[in-house]
Amino acid sequence: MEERLETELISIPPTPRLSTPEIQTPSGHMSKEGGKSSTAWTPTSFISPRFLSPIGTPVKRVLVNMKGYLEEVGHLTKLNPQDAWLPITESRNGNAHYAAFHNLNAGVGFQALVLPVAFSFLGWSWGIVSLTIAYFWQLYTLWILVQLHEAVPGKRYNRYVELAQAAFGERAGLWLALFPTVYLSAGTATALILIGGETMKLFFEIVCGPLCTSNPLTTVEWYLVFTTLCIVLSQLPNLNSIAGLSLVGAITAIFYSTMAWVLSVSQQRPPNISYEPIPLPSFSASIFSFLNALGIIAFAFRGHNLVLEIQSTMPSTFKHPAHVPMWKGAKVAYFFIAMCLFPVAIGGFWSYGNLVNAIGRDSKRVICFPQS
């Protein structure tokens, strides 16, 4: 509304003066007749904006100054004092590139490599349909979170607890959001420590070879090494300071996902391959296998736990809200996420069919192999 009003004020022409016919008096002086001539300007309405022209310049200055103030403050946002020192919101210089790096790094993980197992229980039709629905549902819910981050002018919901409190109340929102956040964060951290420690141990054995087999570290010790590295990484001041690491992680995720399906497709398929769902002895077992496959597909999609935090690292003003660069970066990230998940699922199932084996039977297997 301010911009429209400002445009109207800029386009206001100077107020013309009422013109009256000039007549010559007998003394030779020119005088104006009190009557109006036919060419005089007659205002059509007393509320016409032309009557604002004497005060147009001060009003315009006030509007321009107010608009600039709103753009600087950003919806008159009341800043939380804790946001100045918390690691996530300490820095507000994020952009669309950072959003793409963080979302892509958080959205692709080792869970994608298990998607062919879900297809072995669902088959081609149900597998592709389920994966497509899950992908677009993930993208839609991400868009909702991006919009809810600044749903109320003057407030930024930087964390799930704050968003839940706005939806369900202070006390109910705290308890409804705190428990899922804690156990999901603990479960994610535990899974990452197990996978990270096992992967580092396997990488060390491959690189070092027989030279380091005299007194190798145990698996638990590798867990401690990985945890120590995470603690060192957590000493960085804020999320924007690890944007470069997120870029490296995103490139790595694209690389190993592409390598997984390219190497699988390039190999000769087993002679007794079949694309029919794995036969099970009972109807209840089939139902549980179907639900397990849907769970594997849902498990492959991740990253929603960081959406609000990623957007909170971006500056937000009245003219340039944070949801615009956030959504741009998220769209780019999810394009590459689709390029990782769908080829892995389709290529892996095409290569091995229902002979594909889950990596859970051997934690050293970071890729799906056919059953022997």
Protein backbone atom coordinates (compact mmCIF):
# COMPACT_ATOMS: atom_id res chain seq x y z
CA MET A 1 0.00 0.00 0.00
CA GLU A 2 2.90 2.32 0.76
CA GLU A 3 4.30 1.87 -2.74
CA ARG A 4 0.97 2.67 -4.40
CA LEU A 5 0.48 5.74 -2.27
CA GLU A 6 4.02 6.83 -2.97
CA THR A 7 3.42 6.47 -6.69
CA GLU A 8 0.32 8.56 -6.47
CA LEU A 9 2.16 11.28 -4.61
CA ILE A 10 4.99 11.34 -7.09
CA SER A 11 2.60 11.73 -10.00
CA ILE A 12 0.68 14.64 -8.46
CA PRO A 13 0.91 17.65 -10.79
CA PRO A 14 1.14 21.14 -9.39
CA THR A 15 -2.22 22.57 -8.43
CA PRO A 16 -3.36 24.99 -11.14
CA ARG A 17 -4.64 28.34 -10.06
CA LEU A 18 -8.13 29.42 -10.85
CA SER A 19 -7.98 31.51 -13.97
CA THR A 20 -10.31 34.45 -14.38
CA PRO A 21 -10.77 36.65 -17.42
CA GLU A 22 -8.85 39.87 -17.25
CA ILE A 23 -10.70 43.03 -18.17
CA GLN A 24 -9.38 46.50 -18.63
CA THR A 25 -10.79 49.18 -16.34
CA PRO A 26 -11.39 52.64 -17.45
CA SER A 27 -8.20 53.74 -15.69
CA GLY A 28 -6.21 51.39 -17.88
CA HIS A 29 -5.34 48.86 -15.15
CA MET A 30 -5.94 45.15 -15.53
CA SER A 31 -8.26 43.52 -13.03
CA LYS A 32 -9.71 40.04 -12.59
CA GLU A 33 -13.38 39.39 -12.75
CA GLY A 34 -14.88 37.54 -9.87
CA GLY A 35 -16.66 35.11 -12.20
CA LYS A 36 -15.07 31.96 -13.57
CA SER A 37 -14.18 31.69 -17.20
CA SER A 38 -15.05 28.73 -19.34
CA THR A 39 -11.41 27.59 -19.38
CA ALA A 40 -10.97 27.63 -15.62
CA TRP A 41 -9.96 24.36 -13.94
CA THR A 42 -12.78 23.02 -11.82
CA PRO A 43 -11.97 20.25 -9.30
CA THR A 44 -14.17 17.22 -9.73
CA SER A 45 -14.10 16.36 -6.06
CA PHE A 46 -12.97 17.96 -2.81
CA ILE A 47 -11.20 14.70 -1.90
CA SER A 48 -9.13 14.76 -5.07
CA PRO A 49 -5.44 14.01 -4.48
CA ARG A 50 -4.61 17.27 -6.22
CA PHE A 51 -5.51 19.12 -3.04
CA LEU A 52 -2.74 17.16 -1.28
CA SER A 53 -0.04 18.77 -3.35
CA PRO A 54 0.73 21.59 -0.87
CA ILE A 55 1.66 18.91 1.70
CA GLY A 56 2.76 16.30 -0.84
CA THR A 57 6.46 16.75 -0.20
CA PRO A 58 6.33 16.33 3.61
CA VAL A 59 3.99 13.35 3.35
CA LYS A 60 6.22 11.78 0.75
CA ARG A 61 9.25 12.23 2.98
CA VAL A 62 7.46 10.62 5.91
CA LEU A 63 6.35 7.65 3.80
CA VAL A 64 9.79 7.14 2.29
CA ASN A 65 11.46 7.32 5.70
CA MET A 66 8.92 4.94 7.23
CA LYS A 67 9.32 2.49 4.36
CA GLY A 68 13.10 2.55 4.71
CA TYR A 69 12.80 2.01 8.45
CA LEU A 70 10.52 -0.98 7.95
CA GLU A 71 12.93 -2.42 5.39
CA GLU A 72 15.85 -2.05 7.78
CA VAL A 73 14.07 -3.43 10.84
CA GLY A 74 12.17 -6.12 8.93
CA HIS A 75 8.50 -6.26 9.83
CA LEU A 76 9.33 -4.53 13.12
CA THR A 77 10.80 -7.85 14.27
CA LYS A 78 11.41 -8.12 17.98
CA LEU A 79 14.82 -9.74 18.24
CA ASN A 80 15.26 -12.40 20.88
CA PRO A 81 18.38 -11.63 22.98
CA GLN A 82 19.27 -15.33 22.97
CA ASP A 83 19.53 -15.34 19.17
CA ALA A 84 22.63 -13.15 19.37
CA TRP A 85 24.75 -15.88 20.96
CA LEU A 86 23.07 -19.16 19.99
CA PRO A 87 25.15 -20.97 17.33
CA ILE A 88 22.39 -21.21 14.72
CA THR A 89 21.13 -17.63 14.70
CA GLU A 90 24.35 -15.85 15.64
CA SER A 91 25.00 -14.99 11.99
CA ARG A 92 22.37 -13.53 9.66
CA ASN A 93 24.34 -13.29 6.42
CA GLY A 94 23.02 -16.45 4.73
CA ASN A 95 21.80 -16.53 1.14
CA ALA A 96 20.24 -18.84 -1.43
CA HIS A 97 23.56 -20.58 -2.12
CA TYR A 98 24.02 -21.45 1.53
CA ALA A 99 20.43 -22.71 1.67
CA ALA A 100 21.08 -24.99 -1.31
CA PHE A 101 24.28 -26.38 0.25
CA HIS A 102 22.73 -27.03 3.65
CA ASN A 103 19.48 -28.55 2.32
CA LEU A 104 21.28 -30.82 -0.12
CA ASN A 105 23.77 -31.96 2.49
CA ALA A 106 20.97 -32.64 4.98
CA GLY A 107 18.62 -34.22 2.43
CA VAL A 108 20.83 -37.03 1.07
CA GLY A 109 22.33 -39.69 3.29
CA PHE A 110 23.20 -43.35 3.47
CA GLN A 111 19.47 -44.12 3.77
CA ALA A 112 19.14 -43.58 0.02
CA LEU A 113 21.22 -46.69 -0.65
CA VAL A 114 18.55 -48.89 0.92
CA LEU A 115 15.78 -47.80 -1.49
CA PRO A 116 16.21 -50.84 -3.80
CA VAL A 117 15.29 -53.02 -0.81
CA ALA A 118 11.94 -51.25 -0.58
CA PHE A 119 11.36 -51.88 -4.28
CA SER A 120 12.04 -55.60 -3.75
CA PHE A 121 8.97 -55.74 -1.47
CA LEU A 122 6.78 -53.33 -3.48
CA GLY A 123 7.65 -54.09 -7.09
CA TRP A 124 7.97 -51.58 -9.92
CA SER A 125 4.53 -49.97 -9.80
CA TRP A 126 4.06 -49.49 -6.08
CA GLY A 127 7.72 -48.66 -5.59
CA ILE A 128 7.79 -45.80 -8.11
CA VAL A 129 4.40 -44.47 -7.01
CA SER A 130 5.36 -44.53 -3.32
CA LEU A 131 8.72 -42.88 -3.94
CA THR A 132 7.15 -40.15 -6.10
CA ILE A 133 4.42 -39.38 -3.55
CA ALA A 134 6.97 -39.27 -0.73
CA TYR A 135 9.21 -36.90 -2.70
CA PHE A 136 6.48 -34.38 -3.50
CA TRP A 137 5.08 -34.64 0.02
CA GLN A 138 8.54 -33.84 1.36
CA LEU A 139 8.79 -30.85 -0.97
CA TYR A 140 5.31 -29.62 -0.03
CA THR A 141 5.92 -29.85 3.71
CA LEU A 142 9.23 -28.07 3.22
CA TRP A 143 7.39 -25.21 1.50
CA ILE A 144 4.96 -25.04 4.43
CA LEU A 145 7.83 -24.74 6.92
CA VAL A 146 9.47 -22.02 4.84
CA GLN A 147 6.23 -20.01 4.85
CA LEU A 148 5.57 -20.58 8.56
CA HIS A 149 8.98 -19.23 9.52
CA GLU A 150 7.61 -15.67 9.26
CA ALA A 151 3.90 -16.35 9.30
CA VAL A 152 3.30 -13.58 11.85
CA PRO A 153 4.80 -10.15 11.02
CA GLY A 154 7.29 -9.19 13.67
CA LYS A 155 8.17 -12.74 14.73
CA ARG A 156 10.57 -15.35 13.33
CA TYR A 157 10.07 -18.95 14.42
CA ASN A 158 13.65 -20.18 14.36
CA ARG A 159 13.00 -23.52 16.08
CA TYR A 160 10.33 -26.19 16.20
CA VAL A 161 9.59 -25.50 19.85
CA GLU A 162 8.76 -21.86 19.08
CA LEU A 163 6.54 -22.88 16.17
CA ALA A 164 4.73 -25.47 18.28
CA GLN A 165 4.18 -22.92 21.05
CA ALA A 166 2.62 -20.52 18.57
CA ALA A 167 0.30 -23.29 17.33
CA PHE A 168 -0.66 -25.07 20.58
CA GLY A 169 0.16 -22.61 23.33
CA GLU A 170 3.17 -22.04 25.54
CA ARG A 171 2.96 -25.13 27.76
CA ALA A 172 1.31 -27.63 25.40
CA GLY A 173 3.56 -26.61 22.50
CA LEU A 174 6.67 -27.04 24.62
CA TRP A 175 5.82 -30.60 25.65
CA LEU A 176 4.51 -31.60 22.23
CA ALA A 177 7.68 -30.47 20.47
CA LEU A 178 10.35 -31.10 23.08
CA PHE A 179 10.03 -34.88 23.35
CA PRO A 180 10.05 -35.64 19.57
CA THR A 181 12.91 -33.19 19.04
CA VAL A 182 15.03 -34.77 21.77
CA TYR A 183 14.56 -38.40 20.80
CA LEU A 184 14.89 -37.72 17.07
CA SER A 185 18.07 -35.73 17.62
CA ALA A 186 19.48 -38.45 19.87
CA GLY A 187 18.55 -41.18 17.39
CA THR A 188 20.05 -39.27 14.48
CA ALA A 189 23.26 -38.59 16.38
CA THR A 190 23.56 -42.24 17.41
CA ALA A 191 23.01 -43.50 13.87
CA LEU A 192 25.54 -41.04 12.46
CA ILE A 193 28.15 -42.04 15.04
CA LEU A 194 27.71 -45.73 14.23
CA ILE A 195 27.83 -45.24 10.46
CA GLY A 196 30.62 -42.65 10.66
CA GLY A 197 32.81 -44.77 12.93
CA GLU A 198 32.34 -47.90 10.82
CA THR A 199 33.03 -45.98 7.62
CA MET A 200 36.19 -44.40 9.00
CA LYS A 201 37.42 -47.82 10.15
CA LEU A 202 36.73 -49.35 6.72
CA PHE A 203 38.38 -46.41 4.93
CA PHE A 204 41.45 -46.67 7.16
CA GLU A 205 41.77 -50.40 6.50
CA ILE A 206 41.50 -49.89 2.74
CA VAL A 207 44.01 -47.03 2.59
CA CYS A 208 46.52 -48.39 5.09
CA GLY A 209 46.26 -52.02 4.05
CA PRO A 210 48.36 -54.73 5.75
CA LEU A 211 50.80 -52.17 7.18
CA CYS A 212 48.40 -51.15 9.95
CA THR A 213 47.08 -54.52 11.06
CA SER A 214 49.47 -55.02 14.00
CA ASN A 215 47.56 -52.96 16.55
CA PRO A 216 44.45 -51.49 14.92
CA LEU A 217 41.82 -49.45 16.68
CA THR A 218 38.71 -51.23 17.78
CA THR A 219 35.27 -50.31 16.53
CA VAL A 220 34.39 -48.52 19.77
CA GLU A 221 37.60 -46.49 19.51
CA TRP A 222 36.65 -45.44 16.00
CA TYR A 223 33.29 -44.31 17.39
CA LEU A 224 35.19 -42.13 19.85
CA VAL A 225 37.37 -40.72 17.05
CA PHE A 226 34.30 -39.78 15.03
CA THR A 227 32.63 -38.23 18.09
CA THR A 228 35.76 -36.20 18.83
CA LEU A 229 35.80 -34.85 15.28
CA CYS A 230 32.16 -33.84 15.66
CA ILE A 231 32.95 -32.03 18.91
CA VAL A 232 35.77 -30.14 17.22
CA LEU A 233 33.50 -29.21 14.32
CA SER A 234 30.84 -27.95 16.73
CA GLN A 235 33.25 -25.29 18.00
CA LEU A 236 32.71 -23.24 14.85
CA PRO A 237 30.67 -20.15 15.71
CA ASN A 238 27.54 -20.60 13.58
CA LEU A 239 25.88 -22.50 10.76
CA ASN A 240 27.08 -20.14 8.05
CA SER A 241 30.68 -20.81 9.02
CA ILE A 242 30.34 -24.43 7.88
CA ALA A 243 28.75 -23.62 4.52
CA GLY A 244 31.92 -24.83 2.82
CA LEU A 245 31.70 -28.16 4.65
CA SER A 246 28.06 -28.44 3.63
CA LEU A 247 29.13 -27.92 0.02
CA VAL A 248 31.72 -30.68 0.35
CA GLY A 249 29.12 -32.97 1.93
CA ALA A 250 26.61 -32.21 -0.82
CA ILE A 251 29.14 -32.99 -3.55
CA THR A 252 30.11 -36.19 -1.74
CA ALA A 253 26.46 -37.27 -1.47
CA ILE A 254 25.91 -36.71 -5.19
CA PHE A 255 29.13 -38.56 -5.97
CA TYR A 256 28.50 -41.73 -3.96
CA SER A 257 24.82 -41.88 -4.99
CA THR A 258 25.78 -41.60 -8.66
CA MET A 259 28.59 -44.10 -8.21
CA ALA A 260 26.20 -46.58 -6.57
CA TRP A 261 23.69 -46.74 -9.42
CA VAL A 262 26.23 -46.32 -12.26
CA LEU A 263 28.35 -49.24 -11.01
CA SER A 264 25.25 -51.35 -10.46
CA VAL A 265 23.80 -50.70 -13.91
CA SER A 266 27.15 -51.21 -15.66
CA GLN A 267 27.51 -54.74 -14.25
CA GLN A 268 25.90 -57.81 -15.76
CA ARG A 269 22.62 -58.68 -14.10
CA PRO A 270 22.24 -62.03 -12.29
CA PRO A 271 20.77 -64.79 -14.47
CA ASN A 272 17.91 -65.66 -12.10
CA ILE A 273 16.81 -62.08 -11.53
CA SER A 274 13.13 -61.40 -10.85
CA TYR A 275 11.21 -58.15 -10.37
CA GLU A 276 8.23 -59.67 -8.64
CA PRO A 277 7.75 -58.81 -4.95
CA ILE A 278 9.41 -61.24 -2.59
CA PRO A 279 6.93 -64.06 -1.80
CA LEU A 280 6.12 -64.41 1.88
CA PRO A 281 4.51 -67.32 3.73
CA SER A 282 1.48 -65.50 5.19
CA PHE A 283 -0.76 -62.52 4.60
CA SER A 284 0.32 -60.83 7.82
CA ALA A 285 3.96 -61.15 6.79
CA SER A 286 3.13 -59.51 3.47
CA ILE A 287 1.41 -56.62 5.24
CA PHE A 288 4.36 -56.07 7.56
CA SER A 289 6.79 -56.25 4.63
CA PHE A 290 4.71 -53.70 2.73
CA LEU A 291 4.70 -51.34 5.70
CA ASN A 292 8.40 -51.94 6.21
CA ALA A 293 9.06 -50.95 2.60
CA LEU A 294 7.07 -47.74 3.05
CA GLY A 295 9.12 -47.06 6.16
CA ILE A 296 12.35 -47.51 4.19
CA ILE A 297 11.15 -44.96 1.64
CA ALA A 298 10.14 -42.52 4.37
CA PHE A 299 13.49 -43.11 6.08
CA ALA A 300 15.32 -42.02 2.92
CA PHE A 301 13.86 -38.50 3.11
CA ARG A 302 15.46 -36.27 5.69
CA GLY A 303 16.49 -32.70 6.39
CA HIS A 304 13.28 -31.17 7.73
CA ASN A 305 14.84 -30.86 11.17
CA LEU A 306 17.15 -28.12 9.85
CA VAL A 307 14.76 -26.10 7.69
CA LEU A 308 13.85 -23.48 10.29
CA GLU A 309 17.44 -23.17 11.46
CA ILE A 310 18.76 -22.72 7.92
CA GLN A 311 16.22 -20.00 7.18
CA SER A 312 16.96 -18.27 10.47
CA THR A 313 20.53 -17.60 9.29
CA MET A 314 19.25 -15.31 6.53
CA PRO A 315 18.52 -11.61 6.82
CA SER A 316 14.86 -10.69 6.53
CA THR A 317 13.49 -7.25 5.75
CA PHE A 318 10.14 -5.82 4.74
CA LYS A 319 11.20 -5.71 1.09
CA HIS A 320 13.37 -8.84 1.02
CA PRO A 321 11.88 -11.53 3.29
CA ALA A 322 13.97 -14.57 4.10
CA HIS A 323 11.57 -17.07 2.55
CA VAL A 324 12.48 -15.93 -1.00
CA PRO A 325 16.18 -17.00 -1.02
CA MET A 326 15.36 -19.98 1.19
CA TRP A 327 12.83 -21.37 -1.27
CA LYS A 328 15.17 -20.73 -4.22
CA GLY A 329 17.94 -22.69 -2.55
CA ALA A 330 15.56 -25.45 -1.47
CA LYS A 331 14.29 -25.94 -5.04
CA VAL A 332 17.83 -26.32 -6.35
CA ALA A 333 18.71 -28.71 -3.53
CA TYR A 334 15.67 -30.92 -4.08
CA PHE A 335 16.34 -31.11 -7.80
CA PHE A 336 19.68 -32.73 -7.03
CA ILE A 337 18.08 -34.84 -4.28
CA ALA A 338 15.70 -36.27 -6.88
CA MET A 339 18.70 -36.93 -9.16
CA CYS A 340 20.21 -39.00 -6.32
CA LEU A 341 17.24 -40.92 -4.92
CA PHE A 342 15.35 -41.97 -8.04
CA PRO A 343 18.35 -43.34 -10.00
CA VAL A 344 19.59 -45.25 -6.93
CA ALA A 345 16.19 -46.84 -6.33
CA ILE A 346 15.38 -47.61 -9.97
CA GLY A 347 18.92 -48.51 -11.06
CA GLY A 348 19.59 -50.68 -8.03
CA PHE A 349 16.35 -52.62 -8.39
CA TRP A 350 16.84 -52.99 -12.15
CA SER A 351 20.32 -54.43 -11.58
CA TYR A 352 19.48 -56.90 -8.80
CA GLY A 353 15.71 -57.25 -8.66
CA ASN A 354 14.41 -58.94 -5.53
CA LEU A 355 17.86 -60.44 -4.92
CA VAL A 356 19.06 -57.15 -3.46
CA ASN A 357 20.30 -57.39 0.10
CA ALA A 358 19.97 -54.75 2.82
CA ILE A 359 23.08 -53.17 4.22
CA GLY A 360 21.81 -53.86 7.72
CA ARG A 361 23.11 -57.45 7.66
CA ASP A 362 26.65 -56.17 7.51
CA SER A 363 27.42 -52.65 8.63
CA LYS A 364 30.54 -52.62 6.45
CA ARG A 365 28.41 -52.73 3.33
CA VAL A 366 27.80 -49.14 2.34
CA ILE A 367 26.19 -50.22 -0.92
CA CYS A 368 23.55 -52.80 -1.78
CA PHE A 369 24.87 -56.12 -3.07
CA PRO A 370 22.94 -59.08 -4.49
CA GLN A 371 22.47 -62.11 -2.33
CA SER A 372 24.98 -64.88 -2.87
